[in-house]
């Protein structure tokens, strides 16, 4: 029973961390876009689409999907 309680506490503690991770990633993407990255028009469009989708997922409370989506945009931009 102690293990179950510990696992539940860990999951509950991790959820807010993911929620706060999304805005930080969006800020990194925005800063990289403002800097004028050397990407093709198609890559820029894809990054903007992923950024918008990540924001939508974050607002919907789907934080892991948001983090994953924003990570793809960051990969294209070459940022971490």
Protein backbone atom coordinates (compact mmCIF):
# COMPACT_ATOMS: atom_id res chain seq x y z
CA UNK A 1 0.00 0.00 0.00
CA UNK A 2 2.89 2.36 0.77
CA UNK A 3 4.23 1.81 -2.73
CA UNK A 4 0.90 2.70 -4.29
CA UNK A 5 0.65 5.88 -2.23
CA UNK A 6 4.22 6.84 -3.15
CA UNK A 7 3.54 6.22 -6.85
CA UNK A 8 0.36 8.27 -6.71
CA UNK A 9 2.14 11.14 -4.97
CA UNK A 10 4.89 11.07 -7.59
CA UNK A 11 2.36 11.19 -10.43
CA UNK A 12 0.50 14.09 -8.85
CA UNK A 13 3.75 15.98 -8.32
CA UNK A 14 4.86 15.39 -11.93
CA UNK A 15 1.64 16.73 -13.51
CA UNK A 16 2.22 20.38 -12.53
CA UNK A 17 5.83 20.11 -13.67
CA UNK A 18 4.67 19.13 -17.14
CA UNK A 19 2.13 21.93 -17.13
CA UNK A 20 4.83 24.50 -16.44
CA UNK A 21 7.18 22.97 -19.02
CA UNK A 22 4.92 23.88 -21.94
CA UNK A 23 5.08 27.68 -21.56
CA UNK A 24 8.87 27.53 -21.20
CA UNK A 25 9.13 25.56 -24.45
CA UNK A 26 6.77 27.97 -26.21
CA UNK A 27 8.94 30.88 -25.07
CA UNK A 28 12.07 29.19 -26.43
CA UNK A 29 10.34 28.61 -29.77
CA UNK A 30 9.09 32.20 -29.92
CA UNK A 31 12.57 33.56 -29.17
CA UNK A 32 14.11 31.37 -31.87
CA UNK A 33 11.48 32.49 -34.39
CA UNK A 34 12.05 36.15 -33.48
CA UNK A 35 15.78 35.67 -34.11
CA UNK A 36 15.06 34.78 -37.74
CA UNK A 37 16.22 31.18 -38.08
CA UNK A 38 17.67 30.02 -41.36
CA UNK A 39 14.96 27.56 -42.27
CA UNK A 40 13.05 26.90 -45.43
CA UNK A 41 9.54 28.29 -45.79
CA UNK A 42 8.17 24.77 -45.30
CA UNK A 43 10.19 24.28 -42.10
CA UNK A 44 9.05 27.65 -40.72
CA UNK A 45 5.44 26.80 -41.51
CA UNK A 46 5.83 23.43 -39.77
CA UNK A 47 7.39 25.05 -36.68
CA UNK A 48 4.56 27.59 -36.50
CA UNK A 49 1.97 24.85 -36.88
CA UNK A 50 3.60 22.75 -34.14
CA UNK A 51 3.86 25.81 -31.87
CA UNK A 52 0.15 26.53 -32.30
CA UNK A 53 -0.78 22.90 -31.77
CA UNK A 54 1.38 22.74 -28.64
CA UNK A 55 -0.36 25.82 -27.24
CA UNK A 56 -3.77 24.31 -28.01
CA UNK A 57 -2.86 21.04 -26.31
CA UNK A 58 -1.49 22.89 -23.28
CA UNK A 59 -4.70 24.90 -22.94
CA UNK A 60 -6.70 21.67 -23.18
CA UNK A 61 -4.71 20.16 -20.31
CA UNK A 62 -2.96 17.61 -22.53
CA UNK A 63 0.48 18.49 -21.27
CA UNK A 64 2.48 15.45 -22.35
CA UNK A 65 1.16 15.76 -25.90
CA UNK A 66 1.97 19.47 -25.78
CA UNK A 67 5.52 18.82 -24.60
CA UNK A 68 6.01 16.22 -27.34
CA UNK A 69 4.62 18.53 -30.03
CA UNK A 70 6.72 21.48 -28.89
CA UNK A 71 9.80 19.23 -28.75
CA UNK A 72 9.38 18.52 -32.46
CA UNK A 73 9.28 22.26 -33.21
CA UNK A 74 12.38 22.77 -31.07
CA UNK A 75 14.17 19.94 -32.89
CA UNK A 76 13.51 21.61 -36.24
CA UNK A 77 14.80 24.90 -34.84
CA UNK A 78 17.86 23.19 -33.38
CA UNK A 79 17.18 24.31 -29.80
CA UNK A 80 16.83 22.39 -26.55
